């Protein structure tokens, strides 16, 4: 189990979360659609509302981008589709109708699923209230987890680059990504800086 203050879900727990979605007994949305929603939040480092409100034509597989429109920090924003997820996302989109991908889905509903999954699987970061942990440990956890996975070299040396990670997070200042958002320790940060500047 991860420490709640790390605001991180490792790959094993991510797999358990996806595998447990059918046990939520969701009626209005297909289990596979909910899994893809969580994967979009993880692999494209999206905030929940950014993923929830996506239309089919917002996703450009060919160019590897997702059009987000107005976001928390920008008037017009786009996100990247992580290369390892493109094929699965394209296949899922194939038989989807035009328009909203997650019709009538709300932030509250996704938050509710996360809380239930946290209890079912004893995911520590989802059990402790955010006012105690001091971090957005519920809905932002997917976004932060891929950043930390990239920092840890899970996706190869190309991805273990400060500029690449900051770009995926859509932060204008890499230092904000590493220090404030991902809370990378100083020793790890030095190693990544040296690799990034080689």
C-alpha atoms as a PDB file:
ATOM      1  CA  UNK A   1       0.000   0.000   0.000  1.00  0.00           C
ATOM      2  CA  UNK A   2       1.207   3.489  -0.763  1.00  0.00           C
ATOM      3  CA  UNK A   3       1.498   6.273   1.782  1.00  0.00           C
ATOM      4  CA  UNK A   4      -1.465   8.636   1.380  1.00  0.00           C
ATOM      5  CA  UNK A   5       0.824  11.652   1.298  1.00  0.00           C
ATOM      6  CA  UNK A   6       2.542  10.427  -1.858  1.00  0.00           C
ATOM      7  CA  UNK A   7      -0.641  10.840  -3.875  1.00  0.00           C
ATOM      8  CA  UNK A   8       0.353   7.926  -6.073  1.00  0.00           C
ATOM      9  CA  UNK A   9      -1.176   4.728  -7.382  1.00  0.00           C
ATOM     10  CA  UNK A  10       1.326   2.146  -8.554  1.00  0.00           C
ATOM     11  CA  UNK A  11       0.694  -0.020 -11.598  1.00  0.00           C
ATOM     12  CA  UNK A  12      -0.386  -3.003  -9.524  1.00  0.00           C
ATOM     13  CA  UNK A  13      -3.035  -0.945  -7.738  1.00  0.00           C
ATOM     14  CA  UNK A  14      -4.094   0.685 -11.013  1.00  0.00           C
ATOM     15  CA  UNK A  15      -4.689  -2.802 -12.443  1.00  0.00           C
ATOM     16  CA  UNK A  16      -6.678  -3.786  -9.351  1.00  0.00           C
ATOM     17  CA  UNK A  17      -8.783  -0.623  -9.644  1.00  0.00           C
ATOM     18  CA  UNK A  18      -9.602  -1.297 -13.297  1.00  0.00           C
ATOM     19  CA  UNK A  19     -10.368  -4.948 -12.509  1.00  0.00           C
ATOM     20  CA  UNK A  20     -12.733  -4.008  -9.676  1.00  0.00           C
ATOM     21  CA  UNK A  21     -14.874  -1.553 -11.681  1.00  0.00           C
ATOM     22  CA  UNK A  22     -17.451  -4.285 -12.556  1.00  0.00           C
ATOM     23  CA  UNK A  23     -18.054  -4.787  -8.815  1.00  0.00           C
ATOM     24  CA  UNK A  24     -19.346  -1.213  -8.545  1.00  0.00           C
ATOM     25  CA  UNK A  25     -22.529  -2.344 -10.308  1.00  0.00           C
ATOM     26  CA  UNK A  26     -22.697   0.725 -12.543  1.00  0.00           C
ATOM     27  CA  UNK A  27     -25.872   0.688 -14.634  1.00  0.00           C
ATOM     28  CA  UNK A  28     -25.818   3.840 -16.713  1.00  0.00           C
ATOM     29  CA  UNK A  29     -22.292   3.502 -18.162  1.00  0.00           C
ATOM     30  CA  UNK A  30     -20.507   0.410 -19.448  1.00  0.00           C
ATOM     31  CA  UNK A  31     -17.670  -0.941 -17.306  1.00  0.00           C
ATOM     32  CA  UNK A  32     -15.306  -0.727 -20.292  1.00  0.00           C
ATOM     33  CA  UNK A  33     -16.193   2.948 -20.743  1.00  0.00           C
ATOM     34  CA  UNK A  34     -15.398   3.689 -17.096  1.00  0.00           C
ATOM     35  CA  UNK A  35     -12.070   1.850 -17.456  1.00  0.00           C
ATOM     36  CA  UNK A  36     -11.209   3.962 -20.501  1.00  0.00           C
ATOM     37  CA  UNK A  37     -12.185   7.128 -18.618  1.00  0.00           C
ATOM     38  CA  UNK A  38      -9.712   6.252 -15.852  1.00  0.00           C
ATOM     39  CA  UNK A  39      -7.048   5.374 -18.448  1.00  0.00           C
ATOM     40  CA  UNK A  40      -7.584   8.682 -20.265  1.00  0.00           C
ATOM     41  CA  UNK A  41      -7.105  10.522 -16.966  1.00  0.00           C
ATOM     42  CA  UNK A  42      -3.918   8.543 -16.323  1.00  0.00           C
ATOM     43  CA  UNK A  43      -2.284   8.310 -19.757  1.00  0.00           C
ATOM     44  CA  UNK A  44      -3.144  11.866 -20.850  1.00  0.00           C
ATOM     45  CA  UNK A  45      -2.743  13.375 -17.354  1.00  0.00           C
ATOM     46  CA  UNK A  46      -6.217  14.916 -17.431  1.00  0.00           C
ATOM     47  CA  UNK A  47      -8.175  16.443 -14.601  1.00  0.00           C
ATOM     48  CA  UNK A  48     -11.492  14.609 -14.101  1.00  0.00           C
ATOM     49  CA  UNK A  49     -13.734  17.282 -15.648  1.00  0.00           C
ATOM     50  CA  UNK A  50     -11.429  17.537 -18.657  1.00  0.00           C
ATOM     51  CA  UNK A  51     -11.941  13.832 -19.341  1.00  0.00           C
ATOM     52  CA  UNK A  52     -15.639  13.722 -18.450  1.00  0.00           C
ATOM     53  CA  UNK A  53     -16.661  16.427 -20.918  1.00  0.00           C
ATOM     54  CA  UNK A  54     -14.751  15.073 -23.944  1.00  0.00           C
ATOM     55  CA  UNK A  55     -16.467  14.751 -27.306  1.00  0.00           C
ATOM     56  CA  UNK A  56     -15.420  12.104 -29.794  1.00  0.00           C
ATOM     57  CA  UNK A  57     -14.078  14.711 -32.213  1.00  0.00           C
ATOM     58  CA  UNK A  58     -11.863  16.202 -29.469  1.00  0.00           C
ATOM     59  CA  UNK A  59      -9.588  13.185 -29.820  1.00  0.00           C
ATOM     60  CA  UNK A  60      -7.113  13.238 -32.689  1.00  0.00           C
ATOM     61  CA  UNK A  61      -5.364   9.870 -32.727  1.00  0.00           C
ATOM     62  CA  UNK A  62      -3.349  10.677 -35.858  1.00  0.00           C
ATOM     63  CA  UNK A  63      -1.691  13.703 -34.254  1.00  0.00           C
ATOM     64  CA  UNK A  64      -1.708  12.245 -30.746  1.00  0.00           C
ATOM     65  CA  UNK A  65      -3.652  15.124 -29.178  1.00  0.00           C
ATOM     66  CA  UNK A  66      -6.831  15.762 -27.231  1.00  0.00           C
ATOM     67  CA  UNK A  67      -8.513  19.149 -27.614  1.00  0.00           C
ATOM     68  CA  UNK A  68      -9.651  20.390 -24.199  1.00  0.00           C
ATOM     69  CA  UNK A  69     -10.861  23.916 -24.913  1.00  0.00           C
ATOM     70  CA  UNK A  70     -10.869  26.136 -21.822  1.00  0.00           C
ATOM     71  CA  UNK A  71      -9.182  24.563 -18.824  1.00  0.00           C
ATOM     72  CA  UNK A  72      -8.195  25.614 -15.324  1.00  0.00           C
ATOM     73  CA  UNK A  73      -5.054  27.335 -16.590  1.00  0.00           C
ATOM     74  CA  UNK A  74      -5.576  28.111 -20.293  1.00  0.00           C
ATOM     75  CA  UNK A  75      -8.209  29.588 -22.603  1.00  0.00           C
ATOM     76  CA  UNK A  76      -7.504  26.930 -25.230  1.00  0.00           C
ATOM     77  CA  UNK A  77      -5.638  23.811 -24.182  1.00  0.00           C
ATOM     78  CA  UNK A  78      -4.653  20.449 -25.641  1.00  0.00           C
ATOM     79  CA  UNK A  79      -3.301  17.301 -24.057  1.00  0.00           C
ATOM     80  CA  UNK A  80      -1.100  14.561 -25.424  1.00  0.00           C
ATOM     81  CA  UNK A  81      -2.187  10.986 -25.988  1.00  0.00           C
ATOM     82  CA  UNK A  82       0.504   8.833 -24.462  1.00  0.00           C
ATOM     83  CA  UNK A  83       1.951   6.678 -27.269  1.00  0.00           C
ATOM     84  CA  UNK A  84       1.369   3.363 -25.490  1.00  0.00           C
ATOM     85  CA  UNK A  85      -2.355   4.098 -25.128  1.00  0.00           C
ATOM     86  CA  UNK A  86      -3.178   5.334 -28.664  1.00  0.00           C
ATOM     87  CA  UNK A  87      -4.093   1.975 -30.173  1.00  0.00           C
ATOM     88  CA  UNK A  88      -6.430   0.978 -27.350  1.00  0.00           C
ATOM     89  CA  UNK A  89      -8.097   4.392 -27.362  1.00  0.00           C
ATOM     90  CA  UNK A  90      -8.575   4.312 -31.144  1.00  0.00           C
ATOM     91  CA  UNK A  91     -10.138   0.852 -30.947  1.00  0.00           C
ATOM     92  CA  UNK A  92     -12.528   1.984 -28.187  1.00  0.00           C
ATOM     93  CA  UNK A  93     -13.530   5.087 -30.158  1.00  0.00           C
ATOM     94  CA  UNK A  94     -14.277   3.072 -33.300  1.00  0.00           C
ATOM     95  CA  UNK A  95     -17.932   2.308 -32.532  1.00  0.00           C
ATOM     96  CA  UNK A  96     -18.679   5.376 -30.431  1.00  0.00           C
ATOM     97  CA  UNK A  97     -21.288   7.854 -31.673  1.00  0.00           C
ATOM     98  CA  UNK A  98     -20.313  11.464 -32.324  1.00  0.00           C
ATOM     99  CA  UNK A  99     -20.768  13.873 -29.443  1.00  0.00           C
ATOM    100  CA  UNK A 100     -20.105  13.415 -25.724  1.00  0.00           C
ATOM    101  CA  UNK A 101     -18.216  10.242 -24.860  1.00  0.00           C
ATOM    102  CA  UNK A 102     -19.485  10.051 -21.278  1.00  0.00           C
ATOM    103  CA  UNK A 103     -23.018  11.390 -21.616  1.00  0.00           C
ATOM    104  CA  UNK A 104     -24.509  12.830 -18.399  1.00  0.00           C
ATOM    105  CA  UNK A 105     -21.503  11.797 -16.315  1.00  0.00           C
ATOM    106  CA  UNK A 106     -20.654  14.214 -13.493  1.00  0.00           C
ATOM    107  CA  UNK A 107     -17.617  14.885 -11.334  1.00  0.00           C
ATOM    108  CA  UNK A 108     -19.668  13.896  -8.279  1.00  0.00           C
ATOM    109  CA  UNK A 109     -20.384  10.459  -9.764  1.00  0.00           C
ATOM    110  CA  UNK A 110     -16.709   9.806 -10.589  1.00  0.00           C
ATOM    111  CA  UNK A 111     -15.704  10.981  -7.109  1.00  0.00           C
ATOM    112  CA  UNK A 112     -18.249   8.557  -5.633  1.00  0.00           C
ATOM    113  CA  UNK A 113     -16.771   5.653  -7.627  1.00  0.00           C
ATOM    114  CA  UNK A 114     -13.277   6.567  -6.436  1.00  0.00           C
ATOM    115  CA  UNK A 115     -14.368   6.650  -2.794  1.00  0.00           C
ATOM    116  CA  UNK A 116     -16.079   3.258  -3.132  1.00  0.00           C
ATOM    117  CA  UNK A 117     -13.075   1.720  -4.902  1.00  0.00           C
ATOM    118  CA  UNK A 118     -10.785   3.129  -2.213  1.00  0.00           C
ATOM    119  CA  UNK A 119     -12.798   1.358   0.484  1.00  0.00           C
ATOM    120  CA  UNK A 120     -13.122  -1.889  -1.471  1.00  0.00           C
ATOM    121  CA  UNK A 121      -9.407  -2.097  -2.269  1.00  0.00           C
ATOM    122  CA  UNK A 122      -8.014  -0.283   0.782  1.00  0.00           C
ATOM    123  CA  UNK A 123      -6.226   2.291  -1.399  1.00  0.00           C
ATOM    124  CA  UNK A 124      -4.758   4.483   1.340  1.00  0.00           C
ATOM    125  CA  UNK A 125      -4.617   7.668  -0.727  1.00  0.00           C
ATOM    126  CA  UNK A 126      -8.373   7.325  -1.285  1.00  0.00           C
ATOM    127  CA  UNK A 127      -9.253   6.506   2.318  1.00  0.00           C
ATOM    128  CA  UNK A 128      -7.774   9.507   4.099  1.00  0.00           C
ATOM    129  CA  UNK A 129      -9.676  12.800   3.689  1.00  0.00           C
ATOM    130  CA  UNK A 130      -7.924  15.355   1.515  1.00  0.00           C
ATOM    131  CA  UNK A 131      -7.988  17.958   4.300  1.00  0.00           C
ATOM    132  CA  UNK A 132      -5.799  15.563   6.331  1.00  0.00           C
ATOM    133  CA  UNK A 133      -3.406  14.516   3.568  1.00  0.00           C
ATOM    134  CA  UNK A 134      -3.046  18.080   2.265  1.00  0.00           C
ATOM    135  CA  UNK A 135      -3.213  16.866  -1.336  1.00  0.00           C
ATOM    136  CA  UNK A 136      -5.837  16.196  -3.985  1.00  0.00           C
ATOM    137  CA  UNK A 137      -5.642  12.466  -3.445  1.00  0.00           C
ATOM    138  CA  UNK A 138      -8.947  11.523  -5.025  1.00  0.00           C
ATOM    139  CA  UNK A 139      -9.556  12.602  -8.589  1.00  0.00           C
ATOM    140  CA  UNK A 140      -6.115  14.030  -9.418  1.00  0.00           C
ATOM    141  CA  UNK A 141      -4.345  10.832  -8.468  1.00  0.00           C
ATOM    142  CA  UNK A 142      -4.236   9.389 -12.000  1.00  0.00           C
ATOM    143  CA  UNK A 143      -2.682  12.577 -13.354  1.00  0.00           C
ATOM    144  CA  UNK A 144      -0.033  12.621 -10.657  1.00  0.00           C
ATOM    145  CA  UNK A 145       0.633   8.884 -10.936  1.00  0.00           C
ATOM    146  CA  UNK A 146       1.754   8.929 -14.564  1.00  0.00           C
ATOM    147  CA  UNK A 147       4.018  11.868 -13.777  1.00  0.00           C
ATOM    148  CA  UNK A 148       5.628   9.915 -10.957  1.00  0.00           C
ATOM    149  CA  UNK A 149       5.870   6.791 -13.110  1.00  0.00           C
ATOM    150  CA  UNK A 150       7.718   8.813 -15.752  1.00  0.00           C
ATOM    151  CA  UNK A 151      10.025  10.288 -13.090  1.00  0.00           C
ATOM    152  CA  UNK A 152      10.800   6.745 -11.933  1.00  0.00           C
ATOM    153  CA  UNK A 153      11.733   5.673 -15.485  1.00  0.00           C
ATOM    154  CA  UNK A 154       8.780   3.355 -16.050  1.00  0.00           C
ATOM    155  CA  UNK A 155       8.370   4.549 -19.636  1.00  0.00           C
ATOM    156  CA  UNK A 156      12.045   4.673 -20.572  1.00  0.00           C
ATOM    157  CA  UNK A 157      14.730   7.327 -20.592  1.00  0.00           C
ATOM    158  CA  UNK A 158      12.989   9.393 -23.274  1.00  0.00           C
ATOM    159  CA  UNK A 159      10.038   9.908 -20.954  1.00  0.00           C
ATOM    160  CA  UNK A 160      12.267  10.468 -17.909  1.00  0.00           C
ATOM    161  CA  UNK A 161      12.896  14.034 -18.986  1.00  0.00           C
ATOM    162  CA  UNK A 162      11.754  17.104 -17.076  1.00  0.00           C
ATOM    163  CA  UNK A 163      10.502  18.918 -20.179  1.00  0.00           C
ATOM    164  CA  UNK A 164       8.588  15.849 -21.401  1.00  0.00           C
ATOM    165  CA  UNK A 165       6.950  15.335 -17.998  1.00  0.00           C
ATOM    166  CA  UNK A 166       6.065  19.024 -17.582  1.00  0.00           C
ATOM    167  CA  UNK A 167       4.634  19.053 -21.109  1.00  0.00           C
ATOM    168  CA  UNK A 168       2.383  16.069 -20.356  1.00  0.00           C
ATOM    169  CA  UNK A 169       1.217  17.785 -17.151  1.00  0.00           C
ATOM    170  CA  UNK A 170       0.687  20.987 -19.186  1.00  0.00           C
ATOM    171  CA  UNK A 171       2.654  23.081 -16.717  1.00  0.00           C
ATOM    172  CA  UNK A 172       4.543  26.088 -18.081  1.00  0.00           C
ATOM    173  CA  UNK A 173       7.238  25.794 -15.407  1.00  0.00           C
ATOM    174  CA  UNK A 174       9.000  22.412 -15.060  1.00  0.00           C
ATOM    175  CA  UNK A 175       9.992  23.370 -11.507  1.00  0.00           C
ATOM    176  CA  UNK A 176       6.305  23.584 -10.561  1.00  0.00           C
ATOM    177  CA  UNK A 177       5.740  20.092 -11.967  1.00  0.00           C
ATOM    178  CA  UNK A 178       8.654  18.534 -10.125  1.00  0.00           C
ATOM    179  CA  UNK A 179       8.687  20.415  -6.807  1.00  0.00           C
ATOM    180  CA  UNK A 180       5.120  21.438  -6.143  1.00  0.00           C
ATOM    181  CA  UNK A 181       2.966  18.984  -8.078  1.00  0.00           C
ATOM    182  CA  UNK A 182       4.903  15.704  -8.014  1.00  0.00           C
ATOM    183  CA  UNK A 183       6.999  16.522  -4.929  1.00  0.00           C
ATOM    184  CA  UNK A 184      10.098  14.847  -6.358  1.00  0.00           C
ATOM    185  CA  UNK A 185      12.872  14.499  -3.777  1.00  0.00           C
ATOM    186  CA  UNK A 186      16.114  16.419  -4.319  1.00  0.00           C
ATOM    187  CA  UNK A 187      18.329  13.408  -5.136  1.00  0.00           C
ATOM    188  CA  UNK A 188      15.929  12.107  -7.790  1.00  0.00           C
ATOM    189  CA  UNK A 189      15.505  15.610  -9.164  1.00  0.00           C
ATOM    190  CA  UNK A 190      19.283  16.019  -9.562  1.00  0.00           C
ATOM    191  CA  UNK A 191      19.503  12.752 -11.512  1.00  0.00           C
ATOM    192  CA  UNK A 192      16.651  13.736 -13.822  1.00  0.00           C
ATOM    193  CA  UNK A 193      18.064  17.237 -14.362  1.00  0.00           C
ATOM    194  CA  UNK A 194      21.407  15.753 -15.370  1.00  0.00           C
ATOM    195  CA  UNK A 195      19.735  13.285 -17.782  1.00  0.00           C
ATOM    196  CA  UNK A 196      17.530  16.024 -19.200  1.00  0.00           C
ATOM    197  CA  UNK A 197      20.549  18.246 -19.880  1.00  0.00           C
ATOM    198  CA  UNK A 198      22.726  15.550 -21.507  1.00  0.00           C
END
